[in-house]
C-alpha cells in the first residue's frame, strides 16, 4: 500500500507523516509531497524511525511522482 501526504512540510503534514510512519502496516510506502524544498529532509528525518515503512520525499511544482501508485 502506498499513501501520499500532500502538504507534508507544514506542521499538520509533518505530524500526520509521523503518525503514518509508525502506524502503517509493514511493507507500506509513505510518499511526502510539498512545494517547500525542505520536504525531502522531512522524509530523511522520519526514515530514522525503525519501521518497515519505506518513505520518500518530493518537492517542487509537480506532485505526479509522489502520487504514482498512491491510494
PDB file of N, CA and C in Angstrom:
ATOM      1  N   UNK A   1       0.838  -1.155   0.000  1.00  0.00           N
ATOM      2  CA  UNK A   1       0.000   0.000   0.000  1.00  0.00           C
ATOM      3  C   UNK A   1       0.894   1.233   0.000  1.00  0.00           C
ATOM      4  N   UNK A   2       0.543   2.197  -0.835  1.00  0.00           N
ATOM      5  CA  UNK A   2       1.281   3.460  -0.874  1.00  0.00           C
ATOM      6  C   UNK A   2       0.331   4.580  -0.487  1.00  0.00           C
ATOM      7  N   UNK A   3       0.761   5.391   0.466  1.00  0.00           N
ATOM      8  CA  UNK A   3      -0.028   6.523   0.939  1.00  0.00           C
ATOM      9  C   UNK A   3       0.767   7.793   0.682  1.00  0.00           C
ATOM     10  N   UNK A   4       0.103   8.810   0.142  1.00  0.00           N
ATOM     11  CA  UNK A   4       0.753  10.095  -0.121  1.00  0.00           C
ATOM     12  C   UNK A   4       0.200  11.155   0.825  1.00  0.00           C
ATOM     13  N   UNK A   5       1.091  11.971   1.366  1.00  0.00           N
ATOM     14  CA  UNK A   5       0.707  13.108   2.200  1.00  0.00           C
ATOM     15  C   UNK A   5       1.075  14.365   1.431  1.00  0.00           C
ATOM     16  N   UNK A   6       0.075  15.166   1.099  1.00  0.00           N
ATOM     17  CA  UNK A   6       0.308  16.429   0.406  1.00  0.00           C
ATOM     18  C   UNK A   6       0.333  17.545   1.444  1.00  0.00           C
ATOM     19  N   UNK A   7       1.278  18.443   1.322  1.00  0.00           N
ATOM     20  CA  UNK A   7       1.466  19.481   2.330  1.00  0.00           C
ATOM     21  C   UNK A   7       2.282  18.965   3.504  1.00  0.00           C
ATOM     22  N   UNK A   8       3.203  18.060   3.210  1.00  0.00           N
ATOM     23  CA  UNK A   8       3.939  17.335   4.248  1.00  0.00           C
ATOM     24  C   UNK A   8       4.983  18.164   4.980  1.00  0.00           C
ATOM     25  N   UNK A   9       5.324  19.347   4.490  1.00  0.00           N
ATOM     26  CA  UNK A   9       6.341  20.156   5.163  1.00  0.00           C
ATOM     27  C   UNK A   9       5.745  21.057   6.239  1.00  0.00           C
ATOM     28  N   UNK A  10       4.426  21.191   6.254  1.00  0.00           N
ATOM     29  CA  UNK A  10       3.768  22.019   7.262  1.00  0.00           C
ATOM     30  C   UNK A  10       3.624  21.284   8.585  1.00  0.00           C
ATOM     31  N   UNK A  11       3.168  21.993   9.591  1.00  0.00           N
ATOM     32  CA  UNK A  11       3.026  21.415  10.925  1.00  0.00           C
ATOM     33  C   UNK A  11       2.082  20.233  10.973  1.00  0.00           C
ATOM     34  N   UNK A  12       0.921  20.342  10.348  1.00  0.00           N
ATOM     35  CA  UNK A  12      -0.040  19.240  10.345  1.00  0.00           C
ATOM     36  C   UNK A  12       0.470  18.099   9.481  1.00  0.00           C
ATOM     37  N   UNK A  13       1.051  18.410   8.330  1.00  0.00           N
ATOM     38  CA  UNK A  13       1.579  17.372   7.443  1.00  0.00           C
ATOM     39  C   UNK A  13       2.691  16.567   8.089  1.00  0.00           C
ATOM     40  N   UNK A  14       3.578  17.233   8.824  1.00  0.00           N
ATOM     41  CA  UNK A  14       4.668  16.522   9.497  1.00  0.00           C
ATOM     42  C   UNK A  14       4.129  15.611  10.591  1.00  0.00           C
ATOM     43  N   UNK A  15       3.152  16.099  11.358  1.00  0.00           N
ATOM     44  CA  UNK A  15       2.562  15.276  12.415  1.00  0.00           C
ATOM     45  C   UNK A  15       1.838  14.071  11.822  1.00  0.00           C
ATOM     46  N   UNK A  16       1.114  14.281  10.722  1.00  0.00           N
ATOM     47  CA  UNK A  16       0.418  13.186  10.057  1.00  0.00           C
ATOM     48  C   UNK A  16       1.407  12.175   9.505  1.00  0.00           C
ATOM     49  N   UNK A  17       2.491  12.648   8.912  1.00  0.00           N
ATOM     50  CA  UNK A  17       3.511  11.750   8.368  1.00  0.00           C
ATOM     51  C   UNK A  17       4.144  10.909   9.472  1.00  0.00           C
ATOM     52  N   UNK A  18       4.395  11.512  10.622  1.00  0.00           N
ATOM     53  CA  UNK A  18       4.939  10.771  11.765  1.00  0.00           C
ATOM     54  C   UNK A  18       3.967   9.685  12.210  1.00  0.00           C
ATOM     55  N   UNK A  19       2.692  10.026  12.317  1.00  0.00           N
ATOM     56  CA  UNK A  19       1.680   9.050  12.709  1.00  0.00           C
ATOM     57  C   UNK A  19       1.610   7.901  11.707  1.00  0.00           C
ATOM     58  N   UNK A  20       1.589   8.235  10.425  1.00  0.00           N
ATOM     59  CA  UNK A  20       1.517   7.194   9.398  1.00  0.00           C
ATOM     60  C   UNK A  20       2.767   6.324   9.394  1.00  0.00           C
ATOM     61  N   UNK A  21       3.928   6.916   9.576  1.00  0.00           N
ATOM     62  CA  UNK A  21       5.184   6.159   9.591  1.00  0.00           C
ATOM     63  C   UNK A  21       5.167   5.093  10.680  1.00  0.00           C
ATOM     64  N   UNK A  22       4.549   5.404  11.808  1.00  0.00           N
ATOM     65  CA  UNK A  22       4.536   4.461  12.930  1.00  0.00           C
ATOM     66  C   UNK A  22       3.339   3.518  12.911  1.00  0.00           C
ATOM     67  N   UNK A  23       2.298   3.819  12.111  1.00  0.00           N
ATOM     68  CA  UNK A  23       1.076   3.020  12.168  1.00  0.00           C
ATOM     69  C   UNK A  23       0.742   2.240  10.900  1.00  0.00           C
ATOM     70  N   UNK A  24       1.363   2.567   9.772  1.00  0.00           N
ATOM     71  CA  UNK A  24       1.073   1.820   8.542  1.00  0.00           C
ATOM     72  C   UNK A  24       1.609   0.396   8.658  1.00  0.00           C
ATOM     73  N   UNK A  25       0.968  -0.545   7.968  1.00  0.00           N
ATOM     74  CA  UNK A  25       1.450  -1.934   8.010  1.00  0.00           C
ATOM     75  C   UNK A  25       2.841  -2.071   7.389  1.00  0.00           C
ATOM     76  N   UNK A  26       3.566  -3.080   7.826  1.00  0.00           N
ATOM     77  CA  UNK A  26       4.903  -3.356   7.276  1.00  0.00           C
ATOM     78  C   UNK A  26       4.825  -3.518   5.769  1.00  0.00           C
ATOM     79  N   UNK A  27       5.828  -3.001   5.088  1.00  0.00           N
ATOM     80  CA  UNK A  27       5.883  -3.096   3.637  1.00  0.00           C
ATOM     81  C   UNK A  27       5.182  -1.962   2.916  1.00  0.00           C
ATOM     82  N   UNK A  28       4.538  -1.074   3.653  1.00  0.00           N
ATOM     83  CA  UNK A  28       3.857   0.062   3.033  1.00  0.00           C
ATOM     84  C   UNK A  28       4.878   1.095   2.575  1.00  0.00           C
ATOM     85  N   UNK A  29       4.411   1.993   1.716  1.00  0.00           N
ATOM     86  CA  UNK A  29       5.234   3.104   1.249  1.00  0.00           C
ATOM     87  C   UNK A  29       4.547   4.406   1.635  1.00  0.00           C
ATOM     88  N   UNK A  30       5.320   5.351   2.131  1.00  0.00           N
ATOM     89  CA  UNK A  30       4.807   6.659   2.506  1.00  0.00           C
ATOM     90  C   UNK A  30       5.502   7.703   1.641  1.00  0.00           C
ATOM     91  N   UNK A  31       4.710   8.438   0.893  1.00  0.00           N
ATOM     92  CA  UNK A  31       5.229   9.436  -0.034  1.00  0.00           C
ATOM     93  C   UNK A  31       4.854  10.824   0.476  1.00  0.00           C
ATOM     94  N   UNK A  32       5.856  11.661   0.716  1.00  0.00           N
ATOM     95  CA  UNK A  32       5.616  13.011   1.225  1.00  0.00           C
ATOM     96  C   UNK A  32       5.825  14.026   0.114  1.00  0.00           C
ATOM     97  N   UNK A  33       4.874  14.965  -0.027  1.00  0.00           N
ATOM     98  CA  UNK A  33       4.998  15.989  -1.058  1.00  0.00           C
ATOM     99  C   UNK A  33       4.640  17.358  -0.486  1.00  0.00           C
ATOM    100  N   UNK A  34       5.391  18.356  -0.899  1.00  0.00           N
ATOM    101  CA  UNK A  34       5.085  19.756  -0.609  1.00  0.00           C
ATOM    102  C   UNK A  34       5.868  20.604  -1.607  1.00  0.00           C
ATOM    103  N   UNK A  35       5.418  21.824  -1.820  1.00  0.00           N
ATOM    104  CA  UNK A  35       6.175  22.710  -2.708  1.00  0.00           C
ATOM    105  C   UNK A  35       7.440  23.218  -2.027  1.00  0.00           C
ATOM    106  N   UNK A  36       7.493  23.123  -0.706  1.00  0.00           N
ATOM    107  CA  UNK A  36       8.667  23.580   0.048  1.00  0.00           C
ATOM    108  C   UNK A  36       9.868  22.684  -0.239  1.00  0.00           C
ATOM    109  N   UNK A  37      11.045  23.272  -0.423  1.00  0.00           N
ATOM    110  CA  UNK A  37      12.231  22.473  -0.749  1.00  0.00           C
ATOM    111  C   UNK A  37      12.755  21.619   0.404  1.00  0.00           C
ATOM    112  N   UNK A  38      12.203  21.776   1.596  1.00  0.00           N
ATOM    113  CA  UNK A  38      12.675  21.001   2.754  1.00  0.00           C
ATOM    114  C   UNK A  38      12.005  19.633   2.869  1.00  0.00           C
ATOM    115  N   UNK A  39      11.046  19.339   2.013  1.00  0.00           N
ATOM    116  CA  UNK A  39      10.275  18.099   2.130  1.00  0.00           C
ATOM    117  C   UNK A  39      11.134  16.840   2.097  1.00  0.00           C
ATOM    118  N   UNK A  40      12.121  16.714   1.209  1.00  0.00           N
ATOM    119  CA  UNK A  40      12.977  15.516   1.274  1.00  0.00           C
ATOM    120  C   UNK A  40      13.690  15.379   2.621  1.00  0.00           C
ATOM    121  N   UNK A  41      14.016  16.493   3.262  1.00  0.00           N
ATOM    122  CA  UNK A  41      14.646  16.447   4.582  1.00  0.00           C
ATOM    123  C   UNK A  41      13.705  15.918   5.652  1.00  0.00           C
ATOM    124  N   UNK A  42      12.425  16.245   5.538  1.00  0.00           N
ATOM    125  CA  UNK A  42      11.424  15.707   6.465  1.00  0.00           C
ATOM    126  C   UNK A  42      11.380  14.190   6.325  1.00  0.00           C
ATOM    127  N   UNK A  43      11.426  13.715   5.088  1.00  0.00           N
ATOM    128  CA  UNK A  43      11.418  12.270   4.844  1.00  0.00           C
ATOM    129  C   UNK A  43      12.659  11.606   5.431  1.00  0.00           C
ATOM    130  N   UNK A  44      13.807  12.245   5.298  1.00  0.00           N
ATOM    131  CA  UNK A  44      15.045  11.688   5.864  1.00  0.00           C
ATOM    132  C   UNK A  44      14.941  11.604   7.380  1.00  0.00           C
ATOM    133  N   UNK A  45      14.421  12.652   8.005  1.00  0.00           N
ATOM    134  CA  UNK A  45      14.253  12.633   9.465  1.00  0.00           C
ATOM    135  C   UNK A  45      13.364  11.471   9.896  1.00  0.00           C
ATOM    136  N   UNK A  46      12.247  11.282   9.210  1.00  0.00           N
ATOM    137  CA  UNK A  46      11.319  10.211   9.579  1.00  0.00           C
ATOM    138  C   UNK A  46      11.859   8.828   9.232  1.00  0.00           C
ATOM    139  N   UNK A  47      12.783   8.760   8.295  1.00  0.00           N
ATOM    140  CA  UNK A  47      13.338   7.455   7.907  1.00  0.00           C
ATOM    141  C   UNK A  47      14.160   6.831   9.027  1.00  0.00           C
ATOM    142  N   UNK A  48      14.554   7.629  10.006  1.00  0.00           N
ATOM    143  CA  UNK A  48      15.338   7.107  11.124  1.00  0.00           C
ATOM    144  C   UNK A  48      14.480   6.363  12.148  1.00  0.00           C
ATOM    145  N   UNK A  49      13.167   6.457  12.013  1.00  0.00           N
ATOM    146  CA  UNK A  49      12.272   5.707  12.899  1.00  0.00           C
ATOM    147  C   UNK A  49      12.285   4.253  12.428  1.00  0.00           C
ATOM    148  N   UNK A  50      12.605   3.318  13.315  1.00  0.00           N
ATOM    149  CA  UNK A  50      12.782   1.917  12.899  1.00  0.00           C
ATOM    150  C   UNK A  50      11.460   1.186  12.635  1.00  0.00           C
ATOM    151  N   UNK A  51      10.937   1.344  11.412  1.00  0.00           N
ATOM    152  CA  UNK A  51       9.757   0.596  10.968  1.00  0.00           C
ATOM    153  C   UNK A  51      10.058   0.039   9.583  1.00  0.00           C
ATOM    154  N   UNK A  52       9.176  -0.836   9.098  1.00  0.00           N
ATOM    155  CA  UNK A  52       9.327  -1.399   7.756  1.00  0.00           C
ATOM    156  C   UNK A  52       8.544  -0.605   6.716  1.00  0.00           C
ATOM    157  N   UNK A  53       8.247   0.640   7.016  1.00  0.00           N
ATOM    158  CA  UNK A  53       7.555   1.526   6.080  1.00  0.00           C
ATOM    159  C   UNK A  53       8.607   2.331   5.330  1.00  0.00           C
ATOM    160  N   UNK A  54       8.601   2.218   3.996  1.00  0.00           N
ATOM    161  CA  UNK A  54       9.537   2.983   3.167  1.00  0.00           C
ATOM    162  C   UNK A  54       8.987   4.396   3.000  1.00  0.00           C
ATOM    163  N   UNK A  55       9.867   5.381   3.071  1.00  0.00           N
ATOM    164  CA  UNK A  55       9.430   6.773   2.989  1.00  0.00           C
ATOM    165  C   UNK A  55      10.306   7.535   2.002  1.00  0.00           C
ATOM    166  N   UNK A  56       9.654   8.417   1.221  1.00  0.00           N
ATOM    167  CA  UNK A  56      10.385   9.221   0.250  1.00  0.00           C
ATOM    168  C   UNK A  56       9.729  10.594   0.173  1.00  0.00           C
ATOM    169  N   UNK A  57      10.549  11.624   0.054  1.00  0.00           N
ATOM    170  CA  UNK A  57      10.047  12.989  -0.011  1.00  0.00           C
ATOM    171  C   UNK A  57      10.202  13.595  -1.392  1.00  0.00           C
ATOM    172  N   UNK A  58       9.209  14.371  -1.797  1.00  0.00           N
ATOM    173  CA  UNK A  58       9.200  15.041  -3.096  1.00  0.00           C
ATOM    174  C   UNK A  58       8.859  16.509  -2.887  1.00  0.00           C
ATOM    175  N   UNK A  59       9.481  17.376  -3.679  1.00  0.00           N
ATOM    176  CA  UNK A  59       9.154  18.798  -3.610  1.00  0.00           C
ATOM    177  C   UNK A  59       9.106  19.362  -5.016  1.00  0.00           C
ATOM    178  N   UNK A  60       8.624  20.593  -5.132  1.00  0.00           N
ATOM    179  CA  UNK A  60       8.544  21.245  -6.431  1.00  0.00           C
ATOM    180  C   UNK A  60       7.109  21.457  -6.865  1.00  0.00           C
ATOM    181  N   UNK A  61       6.951  21.881  -8.091  1.00  0.00           N
ATOM    182  CA  UNK A  61       5.629  22.212  -8.617  1.00  0.00           C
ATOM    183  C   UNK A  61       4.816  20.998  -9.056  1.00  0.00           C
ATOM    184  N   UNK A  62       5.472  19.899  -9.392  1.00  0.00           N
ATOM    185  CA  UNK A  62       4.783  18.727  -9.944  1.00  0.00           C
ATOM    186  C   UNK A  62       4.676  17.622  -8.897  1.00  0.00           C
ATOM    187  N   UNK A  63       3.458  17.324  -8.488  1.00  0.00           N
ATOM    188  CA  UNK A  63       3.223  16.288  -7.473  1.00  0.00           C
ATOM    189  C   UNK A  63       3.096  14.896  -8.080  1.00  0.00           C
ATOM    190  N   UNK A  64       3.109  14.776  -9.388  1.00  0.00           N
ATOM    191  CA  UNK A  64       2.875  13.492 -10.055  1.00  0.00           C
ATOM    192  C   UNK A  64       3.769  12.367  -9.553  1.00  0.00           C
ATOM    193  N   UNK A  65       5.079  12.553  -9.417  1.00  0.00           N
ATOM    194  CA  UNK A  65       5.916  11.438  -8.936  1.00  0.00           C
ATOM    195  C   UNK A  65       5.518  10.950  -7.542  1.00  0.00           C
ATOM    196  N   UNK A  66       5.080  11.845  -6.695  1.00  0.00           N
ATOM    197  CA  UNK A  66       4.682  11.467  -5.337  1.00  0.00           C
ATOM    198  C   UNK A  66       3.365  10.697  -5.327  1.00  0.00           C
ATOM    199  N   UNK A  67       2.524  10.958  -6.304  1.00  0.00           N
ATOM    200  CA  UNK A  67       1.188  10.363  -6.325  1.00  0.00           C
ATOM    201  C   UNK A  67       1.102   9.047  -7.087  1.00  0.00           C
ATOM    202  N   UNK A  68       2.112   8.715  -7.868  1.00  0.00           N
ATOM    203  CA  UNK A  68       2.054   7.494  -8.675  1.00  0.00           C
ATOM    204  C   UNK A  68       1.898   6.261  -7.795  1.00  0.00           C
ATOM    205  N   UNK A  69       0.800   5.534  -7.987  1.00  0.00           N
ATOM    206  CA  UNK A  69       0.542   4.309  -7.248  1.00  0.00           C
ATOM    207  C   UNK A  69      -0.035   4.510  -5.864  1.00  0.00           C
ATOM    208  N   UNK A  70      -0.324   5.756  -5.490  1.00  0.00           N
ATOM    209  CA  UNK A  70      -0.851   6.027  -4.145  1.00  0.00           C
ATOM    210  C   UNK A  70      -2.358   5.812  -4.104  1.00  0.00           C
ATOM    211  N   UNK A  71      -2.833   5.555  -2.894  1.00  0.00           N
ATOM    212  CA  UNK A  71      -4.272   5.360  -2.697  1.00  0.00           C
ATOM    213  C   UNK A  71      -4.950   6.698  -2.509  1.00  0.00           C
TER     214      UNK A  71
END
